[in-house]
Amino acid sequence: MGRKNRRVMKGRISRIGSYAIASSITDPTCISCTTFNILAPIYKRLNEEDESCRESDCRAYWLNRNHKILDWLLCERSSIICLQEFWVGNEELVHMYEKRLGDAGYLNFKLARTNNRGDGLLTAVHKDYFRVLNHRDLLFNDFGDRVAQLLHVELVTPFSQYRNNNVRQEILIVNTHLLFPHDSSLCLVRLQQVYKILQCVESYQKEYKLNPLPIILCGDWNGSKRGHVYKFLRSQGFVSSYDTAHQYTDGDAQKWVSHLNHRGNICGVDFIWLLNPNKYRKLLKTSWSETVSSMFKYLLRRASLTENDAFAFLKADSHGDYITYNGFCEALRQLNLIGHCHGLSLEETKDLWVQADIDGNGVLDYKEFQQRIWNPTWSEQREEIGIDGRGEVKSTEQAIGFSVKNAVLFPTEVEKGMWPEDYSLSDHARLTVVFSPVRMPCSRLIS
């Protein structure tokens, strides 16, 4: 395995982080959430020089490692546990997790990836904290056979004091594992996967006529704070709980890491995202179009095109000083955004074009190119009503939201951008966040 971008720390693994957060987790007025990619034995290599030698072939190895993982999870006792690369294809391992977590008071929900990939997701919520109202399995049926889980839960004792005030105390929890970007074209697939998740969450709330609820998105996002997925979620009002707890900004991209990938690089890819019900949000389709346009501009700039060169490139097939739809599509094809099985669909391409064609005359002039592609400025449409001129919610309806009280990565060396060489539980760090419930106003979604 290569050492590119690796800062490896030798010696005993620090466990301070788990002790530091323990008091927060046991606070009866808080809930906690852990996300952890536990590295399925079918993917864990026992010999770096022989890819065919996997941990799944040695029962003693994977059994011992997964018992240790469960020991840590049960010791920490988070209210919510979201696991990725859960080996759903092995009945013994599945039974072990379900038995030990079930005996500890957890309600378990597992979901296999499509096309019998062998691994999947496990989401567990503790019945001392939550009552499960509903759950849904999201099957992307895409290039990477990825899936997601959606749980709709209600807080129970000790949060019953809110019930006397008719304050809703429900949460939407999502667990997922996005595709690894093996090449640049797959960055779009990962963005599409997140878009599908948010579309599902939105349609679920509308189907059950729910006003905005707190949403917690957990998982292995296989992308860093520099990526388009991160920017897309931020544009929808989500905050990275770990960064919030440590007061890191969007630009602090190298403060922490959470994964040593198969290329030998360390990177921060595991997130617990939080969206509170009073948070301002752009229309989902607007955020999507804006993010894809940003990706489009990135690819144009990566091709060393200036603003004027990019406009000339896009209008190459026209007979005037404007961009036609055919020219637009040809540019997308040359930049590998369409023309293959996991590119933009015809509908997505047309939506992008309609958003760019501000005056609706069927062509893009230079001003529209600037406003929608090169320096995007989008109308500040809102998904909410009851917003005053300062962007604050005027509604008097109350809901439960969350403040981030604490967050820790284990092993704690990763919080300083280092990967300990003797850490062997997984190739991912474990992220735990503690949330404190707070009352806040919310407003109604436009149907």
Protein backbone atom coordinates (compact mmCIF):
# COMPACT_ATOMS: atom_id res chain seq x y z
CA MET A 1 0.00 0.00 0.00
CA GLY A 2 1.32 3.42 -0.92
CA ARG A 3 2.21 6.11 1.59
CA LYS A 4 0.96 9.07 -0.44
CA ASN A 5 -0.63 11.75 1.80
CA ARG A 6 -0.25 9.50 4.85
CA ARG A 7 0.80 10.68 8.26
CA VAL A 8 1.15 7.47 10.25
CA MET A 9 1.65 7.49 13.98
CA LYS A 10 3.27 4.53 15.69
CA GLY A 11 2.68 3.45 19.25
CA ARG A 12 -0.24 2.80 21.54
CA ILE A 13 -3.64 3.95 20.32
CA SER A 14 -5.07 6.78 22.42
CA ARG A 15 -8.48 6.17 23.99
CA ILE A 16 -8.91 9.59 25.59
CA GLY A 17 -11.67 10.54 23.17
CA SER A 18 -14.05 7.86 24.37
CA TYR A 19 -13.57 8.89 28.00
CA ALA A 20 -13.99 12.56 27.18
CA ILE A 21 -17.38 12.03 25.59
CA ALA A 22 -18.67 9.41 28.02
CA SER A 23 -20.29 11.91 30.39
CA SER A 24 -22.09 13.59 27.51
CA ILE A 25 -23.47 10.28 26.23
CA THR A 26 -24.80 9.30 29.65
CA ASP A 27 -26.50 12.70 30.14
CA PRO A 28 -30.22 11.78 30.27
CA THR A 29 -31.15 15.05 28.54
CA CYS A 30 -29.07 14.24 25.43
CA ILE A 31 -29.05 11.74 22.60
CA SER A 32 -25.96 10.43 20.84
CA CYS A 33 -25.20 9.04 17.41
CA THR A 34 -22.32 6.88 16.17
CA THR A 35 -21.45 6.22 12.54
CA PHE A 36 -18.84 3.62 11.66
CA ASN A 37 -17.76 1.84 8.48
CA ILE A 38 -16.71 -1.48 10.00
CA LEU A 39 -14.88 -2.82 6.89
CA ALA A 40 -16.66 -5.95 5.66
CA PRO A 41 -14.43 -9.06 5.89
CA ILE A 42 -15.05 -9.69 2.18
CA TYR A 43 -13.09 -6.49 1.47
CA LYS A 44 -10.43 -6.60 4.19
CA ARG A 45 -7.13 -7.86 2.76
CA LEU A 46 -4.94 -10.00 4.96
CA ASN A 47 -2.04 -9.80 2.52
CA GLU A 48 -1.47 -6.54 0.65
CA GLU A 49 0.39 -8.36 -2.09
CA ASP A 50 -2.36 -10.94 -2.65
CA GLU A 51 -5.80 -9.39 -3.21
CA SER A 52 -7.46 -12.81 -3.18
CA CYS A 53 -6.53 -13.34 0.48
CA ARG A 54 -9.45 -11.82 2.40
CA GLU A 55 -10.41 -11.86 6.07
CA SER A 56 -13.71 -13.54 5.15
CA ASP A 57 -11.73 -16.74 4.52
CA CYS A 58 -10.49 -16.84 8.11
CA ARG A 59 -13.37 -17.09 10.60
CA ALA A 60 -11.22 -16.58 13.69
CA TYR A 61 -9.94 -13.24 12.35
CA TRP A 62 -13.26 -11.64 11.39
CA LEU A 63 -15.06 -13.05 14.42
CA ASN A 64 -12.50 -11.63 16.83
CA ARG A 65 -12.41 -8.20 15.14
CA ASN A 66 -16.20 -7.85 15.04
CA HIS A 67 -16.56 -8.90 18.67
CA LYS A 68 -14.15 -6.08 19.52
CA ILE A 69 -16.19 -3.65 17.43
CA LEU A 70 -19.34 -4.68 19.29
CA ASP A 71 -17.54 -4.35 22.61
CA TRP A 72 -16.72 -0.74 21.78
CA LEU A 73 -20.23 0.04 20.52
CA LEU A 74 -21.90 -1.48 23.58
CA CYS A 75 -19.46 0.25 25.91
CA GLU A 76 -20.19 3.60 24.29
CA ARG A 77 -23.95 2.87 24.12
CA SER A 78 -24.96 5.57 21.66
CA SER A 79 -28.68 6.16 21.20
CA ILE A 80 -28.26 5.71 17.42
CA ILE A 81 -25.75 3.39 15.73
CA CYS A 82 -25.24 3.54 11.96
CA LEU A 83 -22.90 0.94 10.46
CA GLN A 84 -21.69 0.63 6.88
CA GLU A 85 -20.03 -2.36 5.16
CA PHE A 86 -22.06 -4.64 7.41
CA TRP A 87 -21.53 -8.20 6.15
CA VAL A 88 -25.18 -9.10 5.58
CA GLY A 89 -24.15 -12.14 3.52
CA ASN A 90 -22.85 -14.00 6.57
CA GLU A 91 -25.61 -15.36 8.81
CA GLU A 92 -23.30 -15.95 11.78
CA LEU A 93 -22.06 -12.36 11.81
CA VAL A 94 -25.58 -10.98 11.31
CA HIS A 95 -26.89 -13.10 14.20
CA MET A 96 -24.00 -11.99 16.42
CA TYR A 97 -24.78 -8.27 15.88
CA GLU A 98 -28.54 -8.69 16.16
CA LYS A 99 -28.23 -10.80 19.33
CA ARG A 100 -25.75 -8.60 21.18
CA LEU A 101 -27.36 -5.31 20.13
CA GLY A 102 -30.85 -6.69 20.76
CA ASP A 103 -29.91 -7.92 24.23
CA ALA A 104 -28.59 -4.41 24.97
CA GLY A 105 -31.95 -2.84 24.08
CA TYR A 106 -31.47 -1.85 20.45
CA LEU A 107 -33.98 -2.19 17.62
CA ASN A 108 -32.06 -3.29 14.52
CA PHE A 109 -32.69 -2.65 10.83
CA LYS A 110 -30.40 -4.12 8.18
CA LEU A 111 -30.33 -3.57 4.43
CA ALA A 112 -28.24 -5.38 1.80
CA ARG A 113 -26.82 -3.65 -1.24
CA THR A 114 -28.47 -4.61 -4.50
CA ASN A 115 -27.13 -7.34 -6.83
CA ASN A 116 -25.92 -9.49 -3.91
CA ARG A 117 -22.82 -7.44 -3.25
CA GLY A 118 -22.47 -9.10 0.16
CA ASP A 119 -22.39 -6.05 2.42
CA GLY A 120 -24.89 -3.39 3.37
CA LEU A 121 -26.09 -1.22 6.23
CA LEU A 122 -27.18 -1.75 9.82
CA THR A 123 -29.03 0.95 11.74
CA ALA A 124 -29.80 0.42 15.42
CA VAL A 125 -31.75 2.74 17.72
CA HIS A 126 -32.07 2.25 21.46
CA LYS A 127 -35.61 1.70 22.67
CA ASP A 128 -34.92 3.68 25.86
CA TYR A 129 -34.68 6.77 23.66
CA PHE A 130 -36.81 6.15 20.56
CA ARG A 131 -40.02 4.65 19.30
CA VAL A 132 -39.80 3.73 15.61
CA LEU A 133 -42.77 5.17 13.72
CA ASN A 134 -41.77 4.03 10.23
CA HIS A 135 -38.78 3.02 8.13
CA ARG A 136 -37.97 2.84 4.45
CA ASP A 137 -35.29 1.15 2.37
CA LEU A 138 -33.88 3.24 -0.48
CA LEU A 139 -32.48 1.22 -3.37
CA PHE A 140 -30.59 3.43 -5.81
CA ASN A 141 -30.22 0.64 -8.43
CA ASP A 142 -27.30 2.59 -9.85
CA PHE A 143 -23.73 2.02 -10.94
CA GLY A 144 -22.48 1.21 -7.43
CA ASP A 145 -25.45 -0.80 -6.12
CA ARG A 146 -25.74 1.64 -3.25
CA VAL A 147 -28.59 1.86 -0.74
CA ALA A 148 -29.78 3.99 2.15
CA GLN A 149 -32.06 3.56 5.16
CA LEU A 150 -34.60 6.09 6.40
CA LEU A 151 -35.98 5.79 9.95
CA HIS A 152 -38.76 8.00 11.31
CA VAL A 153 -38.53 7.93 15.10
CA GLU A 154 -40.09 9.64 18.08
CA LEU A 155 -38.25 10.61 21.24
CA VAL A 156 -39.50 8.90 24.40
CA THR A 157 -38.70 9.28 28.10
CA PRO A 158 -36.79 11.25 29.43
CA PHE A 159 -37.97 13.78 26.84
CA SER A 160 -41.64 13.48 27.77
CA GLN A 161 -41.66 16.98 29.25
CA TYR A 162 -42.01 18.32 25.70
CA ARG A 163 -45.18 16.31 25.15
CA ASN A 164 -47.08 18.49 27.63
CA ASN A 165 -46.49 21.49 25.42
CA ASN A 166 -47.63 19.82 22.18
CA VAL A 167 -44.11 20.03 20.82
CA ARG A 168 -43.36 17.51 18.10
CA GLN A 169 -40.45 15.30 19.07
CA GLU A 170 -39.80 13.29 15.93
CA ILE A 171 -36.58 12.82 13.94
CA LEU A 172 -35.67 11.46 10.52
CA ILE A 173 -32.48 9.38 10.54
CA VAL A 174 -30.66 8.35 7.35
CA ASN A 175 -27.79 5.87 7.07
CA THR A 176 -25.90 5.47 3.79
CA HIS A 177 -22.59 4.63 2.11
CA LEU A 178 -21.85 6.49 -1.10
CA LEU A 179 -19.86 5.20 -4.07
CA PHE A 180 -16.07 5.55 -3.99
CA PRO A 181 -14.92 7.98 -6.74
CA HIS A 182 -12.63 5.61 -8.63
CA ASP A 183 -12.49 8.20 -11.42
CA SER A 184 -13.78 11.76 -11.86
CA SER A 185 -16.93 10.72 -13.76
CA LEU A 186 -18.20 8.96 -10.63
CA CYS A 187 -18.29 12.24 -8.69
CA LEU A 188 -21.56 12.92 -10.51
CA VAL A 189 -22.95 9.51 -9.46
CA ARG A 190 -22.22 10.30 -5.81
CA LEU A 191 -23.97 13.64 -6.19
CA GLN A 192 -26.98 11.90 -7.76
CA GLN A 193 -27.09 9.46 -4.84
CA VAL A 194 -27.34 12.31 -2.33
CA TYR A 195 -29.97 14.02 -4.50
CA LYS A 196 -32.06 10.82 -4.44
CA ILE A 197 -31.78 10.65 -0.65
CA LEU A 198 -32.94 14.23 -0.21
CA GLN A 199 -35.75 13.72 -2.74
CA CYS A 200 -36.90 10.68 -0.78
CA VAL A 201 -36.80 12.58 2.52
CA GLU A 202 -38.74 15.43 0.97
CA SER A 203 -41.38 13.17 -0.59
CA TYR A 204 -41.72 11.22 2.67
CA GLN A 205 -42.46 14.42 4.61
CA LYS A 206 -45.01 15.49 2.02
CA GLU A 207 -46.64 12.05 1.86
CA TYR A 208 -47.27 12.08 5.61
CA LYS A 209 -47.95 15.84 5.67
CA LEU A 210 -45.10 16.42 8.10
CA ASN A 211 -43.78 19.85 8.83
CA PRO A 212 -39.97 20.06 8.87
CA LEU A 213 -38.33 17.67 11.34
CA PRO A 214 -34.71 17.43 12.45
CA ILE A 215 -32.83 15.29 9.94
CA ILE A 216 -29.66 13.39 10.83
CA LEU A 217 -27.69 11.98 7.88
CA CYS A 218 -25.02 9.45 8.85
CA GLY A 219 -22.50 7.46 6.94
CA ASP A 220 -19.43 7.04 4.81
CA TRP A 221 -19.76 9.75 2.16
CA ASN A 222 -16.54 8.79 0.34
CA GLY A 223 -15.77 12.45 -0.25
CA SER A 224 -14.12 15.28 1.65
CA LYS A 225 -15.08 18.85 2.53
CA ARG A 226 -13.64 19.98 -0.78
CA GLY A 227 -16.14 17.97 -2.83
CA HIS A 228 -19.42 18.77 -4.56
CA VAL A 229 -21.45 16.50 -2.24
CA TYR A 230 -20.28 18.52 0.76
CA LYS A 231 -21.20 21.80 -0.96
CA PHE A 232 -24.58 20.42 -2.04
CA LEU A 233 -25.53 19.41 1.51
CA ARG A 234 -24.33 22.74 2.89
CA SER A 235 -26.49 24.54 0.33
CA GLN A 236 -29.48 22.65 1.74
CA GLY A 237 -28.76 23.92 5.24
CA PHE A 238 -27.06 20.82 6.68
CA VAL A 239 -24.12 21.26 9.04
CA SER A 240 -21.30 18.82 9.74
CA SER A 241 -21.79 17.97 13.41
CA TYR A 242 -18.13 17.22 14.06
CA ASP A 243 -17.01 20.51 12.50
CA THR A 244 -19.70 22.39 14.42
CA ALA A 245 -18.54 20.90 17.72
CA HIS A 246 -14.93 21.89 17.01
CA GLN A 247 -15.81 25.26 15.43
CA TYR A 248 -14.21 24.38 12.11
CA THR A 249 -15.24 26.27 8.99
CA ASP A 250 -16.00 24.92 5.53
CA GLY A 251 -12.47 25.85 4.54
CA ASP A 252 -10.86 23.74 7.29
CA ALA A 253 -10.50 20.69 5.07
CA GLN A 254 -7.42 19.08 6.60
CA LYS A 255 -8.00 19.42 10.32
CA TRP A 256 -9.13 15.81 10.71
CA VAL A 257 -9.23 12.50 8.83
CA SER A 258 -11.41 9.41 9.20
CA HIS A 259 -10.31 6.93 6.52
CA LEU A 260 -7.16 5.22 5.25
CA ASN A 261 -8.28 4.19 1.78
CA HIS A 262 -7.07 1.38 -0.46
CA ARG A 263 -4.79 3.82 -2.29
CA GLY A 264 -2.89 4.59 0.90
CA ASN A 265 -4.36 8.09 1.31
CA ILE A 266 -5.90 9.43 4.49
CA CYS A 267 -8.96 11.65 4.19
CA GLY A 268 -12.00 12.88 6.09
CA VAL A 269 -15.07 11.17 4.62
CA ASP A 270 -17.30 10.12 7.55
CA PHE A 271 -19.96 12.63 8.55
CA ILE A 272 -22.99 13.03 10.76
CA TRP A 273 -24.99 15.82 9.14
CA LEU A 274 -27.69 17.76 10.99
CA LEU A 275 -30.54 19.84 9.57
CA ASN A 276 -32.74 21.59 12.12
CA PRO A 277 -36.41 22.34 11.37
CA ASN A 278 -35.94 26.12 11.53
CA LYS A 279 -33.05 26.11 9.05
CA TYR A 280 -33.39 28.12 5.85
CA ARG A 281 -33.32 25.96 2.73
CA LYS A 282 -33.23 26.62 -0.98
CA LEU A 283 -35.55 24.61 -3.19
CA LEU A 284 -33.99 21.18 -3.64
CA LYS A 285 -34.03 21.35 -7.44
CA THR A 286 -32.40 24.81 -7.29
CA SER A 287 -29.59 23.50 -5.09
CA TRP A 288 -29.14 20.51 -7.41
CA SER A 289 -28.91 22.67 -10.55
CA GLU A 290 -26.54 25.07 -8.82
CA THR A 291 -24.25 22.23 -7.72
CA VAL A 292 -24.19 20.57 -11.15
CA SER A 293 -23.44 23.98 -12.72
CA SER A 294 -20.58 24.35 -10.24
CA MET A 295 -19.26 20.96 -11.35
CA PHE A 296 -19.64 22.03 -14.99
CA LYS A 297 -17.63 25.20 -14.32
CA TYR A 298 -14.97 23.20 -12.43
CA LEU A 299 -14.49 20.92 -15.45
CA LEU A 300 -14.30 23.90 -17.82
CA ARG A 301 -11.65 25.53 -15.65
CA ARG A 302 -9.78 22.25 -15.31
CA ALA A 303 -9.58 22.24 -19.12
CA SER A 304 -7.73 25.58 -18.74
CA LEU A 305 -10.57 27.59 -20.26
CA THR A 306 -11.04 31.22 -19.31
CA GLU A 307 -14.53 32.73 -19.12
CA ASN A 308 -14.41 33.95 -22.72
CA ASP A 309 -12.87 30.68 -23.94
CA ALA A 310 -15.58 28.68 -22.17
CA PHE A 311 -18.34 30.71 -23.78
CA ALA A 312 -16.72 30.25 -27.20
CA PHE A 313 -16.43 26.51 -26.55
CA LEU A 314 -20.11 26.23 -25.67
CA LYS A 315 -21.35 28.25 -28.65
CA ALA A 316 -19.10 26.53 -31.17
CA ASP A 317 -22.01 25.09 -33.19
CA SER A 318 -24.14 28.28 -33.28
CA HIS A 319 -24.20 30.96 -35.96
CA GLY A 320 -24.48 33.80 -33.49
CA ASP A 321 -23.22 35.07 -30.17
CA TYR A 322 -25.24 32.57 -28.13
CA ILE A 323 -25.28 28.96 -26.95
CA THR A 324 -27.78 26.48 -28.37
CA TYR A 325 -29.16 23.44 -26.59
CA ASN A 326 -27.21 21.16 -28.96
CA GLY A 327 -24.00 23.04 -28.22
CA PHE A 328 -24.73 22.83 -24.50
CA CYS A 329 -25.24 19.05 -24.72
CA GLU A 330 -22.09 18.59 -26.81
CA ALA A 331 -20.05 20.42 -24.17
CA LEU A 332 -21.53 18.22 -21.45
CA ARG A 333 -20.64 15.16 -23.52
CA GLN A 334 -17.04 16.27 -24.07
CA LEU A 335 -16.70 16.92 -20.33
CA ASN A 336 -18.03 13.40 -19.61
CA LEU A 337 -21.17 14.60 -17.84
CA ILE A 338 -23.49 12.87 -20.33
CA GLY A 339 -23.16 10.13 -22.94
CA HIS A 340 -22.57 7.18 -20.61
CA CYS A 341 -24.69 5.00 -18.33
CA HIS A 342 -24.01 7.02 -15.18
CA GLY A 343 -24.06 10.53 -16.65
CA LEU A 344 -26.85 13.09 -16.41
CA SER A 345 -30.17 11.74 -17.67
CA LEU A 346 -32.03 13.43 -20.50
CA GLU A 347 -34.49 14.86 -17.97
CA GLU A 348 -31.69 16.16 -15.73
CA THR A 349 -29.95 17.73 -18.74
CA LYS A 350 -33.16 19.47 -19.83
CA ASP A 351 -33.80 20.70 -16.28
CA LEU A 352 -30.30 22.16 -16.17
CA TRP A 353 -30.90 23.87 -19.51
CA VAL A 354 -34.26 25.30 -18.43
CA GLN A 355 -32.69 26.69 -15.27
CA ALA A 356 -29.92 28.30 -17.34
CA ASP A 357 -32.25 29.77 -20.00
CA ILE A 358 -33.53 32.58 -17.78
CA ASP A 359 -35.69 34.33 -20.38
CA GLY A 360 -36.90 31.07 -21.95
CA ASN A 361 -36.05 32.03 -25.53
CA GLY A 362 -34.30 28.72 -26.31
CA VAL A 363 -30.71 30.02 -26.34
CA LEU A 364 -28.20 31.27 -23.76
CA ASP A 365 -26.64 34.67 -24.27
CA TYR A 366 -23.44 35.76 -22.57
CA LYS A 367 -25.27 37.22 -19.56
CA GLU A 368 -27.17 33.97 -18.94
CA PHE A 369 -23.92 32.02 -19.33
CA GLN A 370 -22.36 34.20 -16.64
CA GLN A 371 -25.32 34.04 -14.27
CA ARG A 372 -26.02 30.31 -14.53
CA ILE A 373 -22.72 28.63 -15.45
CA TRP A 374 -19.65 30.76 -14.86
CA ASN A 375 -20.69 32.81 -11.83
CA PRO A 376 -23.99 31.23 -10.79
CA THR A 377 -26.52 33.47 -9.06
CA TRP A 378 -29.82 31.77 -8.34
CA SER A 379 -33.12 33.13 -7.13
CA GLU A 380 -33.45 32.79 -3.39
CA GLN A 381 -36.57 30.61 -3.49
CA ARG A 382 -37.46 29.00 -0.20
CA GLU A 383 -39.01 25.68 0.70
CA GLU A 384 -40.62 27.34 3.67
CA ILE A 385 -43.34 29.93 4.22
CA GLY A 386 -43.61 32.20 7.25
CA ILE A 387 -40.15 33.73 6.62
CA ASP A 388 -39.69 37.39 7.45
CA GLY A 389 -37.46 39.85 5.62
CA ARG A 390 -34.43 38.86 7.68
CA GLY A 391 -34.75 35.19 6.74
CA GLU A 392 -36.10 34.17 10.13
CA VAL A 393 -39.06 31.87 10.74
CA LYS A 394 -42.14 33.75 11.96
CA SER A 395 -44.24 30.65 12.72
CA THR A 396 -45.18 30.12 16.35
CA GLU A 397 -45.39 26.35 15.91
CA GLN A 398 -42.76 24.61 18.01
CA ALA A 399 -40.61 21.60 17.19
CA ILE A 400 -37.67 19.81 18.69
CA GLY A 401 -34.31 20.66 17.18
CA PHE A 402 -30.77 19.87 18.29
CA SER A 403 -27.63 21.67 19.25
CA VAL A 404 -24.31 19.86 18.90
CA LYS A 405 -22.93 19.35 22.39
CA ASN A 406 -19.86 17.22 21.71
CA ALA A 407 -18.21 15.15 18.99
CA VAL A 408 -15.22 12.83 18.91
CA LEU A 409 -13.41 10.60 16.42
CA PHE A 410 -11.74 7.40 17.54
CA PRO A 411 -8.84 6.71 17.42
CA THR A 412 -8.24 10.28 18.56
CA GLU A 413 -5.02 10.65 16.52
CA VAL A 414 -7.21 11.15 13.44
CA GLU A 415 -8.52 14.37 14.98
CA LYS A 416 -5.04 15.77 14.33
CA GLY A 417 -4.80 14.44 10.78
CA MET A 418 -2.73 11.34 11.67
CA TRP A 419 -3.48 7.64 11.23
CA PRO A 420 -2.12 5.28 13.97
CA GLU A 421 -0.34 2.31 12.44
CA ASP A 422 -1.51 -0.12 15.13
CA TYR A 423 -5.23 0.62 14.72
CA SER A 424 -6.85 -2.51 13.31
CA LEU A 425 -10.61 -2.36 14.01
CA SER A 426 -11.31 -0.92 10.54
CA ASP A 427 -9.90 1.32 7.85
CA HIS A 428 -12.32 3.99 9.10
CA ALA A 429 -12.47 5.90 12.35
CA ARG A 430 -15.57 5.82 14.50
CA LEU A 431 -17.45 9.14 14.80
CA THR A 432 -19.76 9.85 17.75
CA VAL A 433 -21.76 13.03 18.22
CA VAL A 434 -23.85 14.09 21.22
CA PHE A 435 -26.92 16.25 20.58
CA SER A 436 -28.87 18.30 23.09
CA PRO A 437 -32.60 18.75 22.27
CA VAL A 438 -33.83 22.33 22.11
CA ARG A 439 -37.17 23.86 21.28
CA MET A 440 -37.31 25.97 18.16
CA PRO A 441 -39.89 27.43 15.77
CA CYS A 442 -40.54 25.74 12.46
CA SER A 443 -42.57 26.55 9.38
CA ARG A 444 -44.65 24.54 6.95
CA LEU A 445 -43.36 23.06 3.72
CA ILE A 446 -45.05 24.25 0.55
CA SER A 447 -47.02 21.33 -0.84
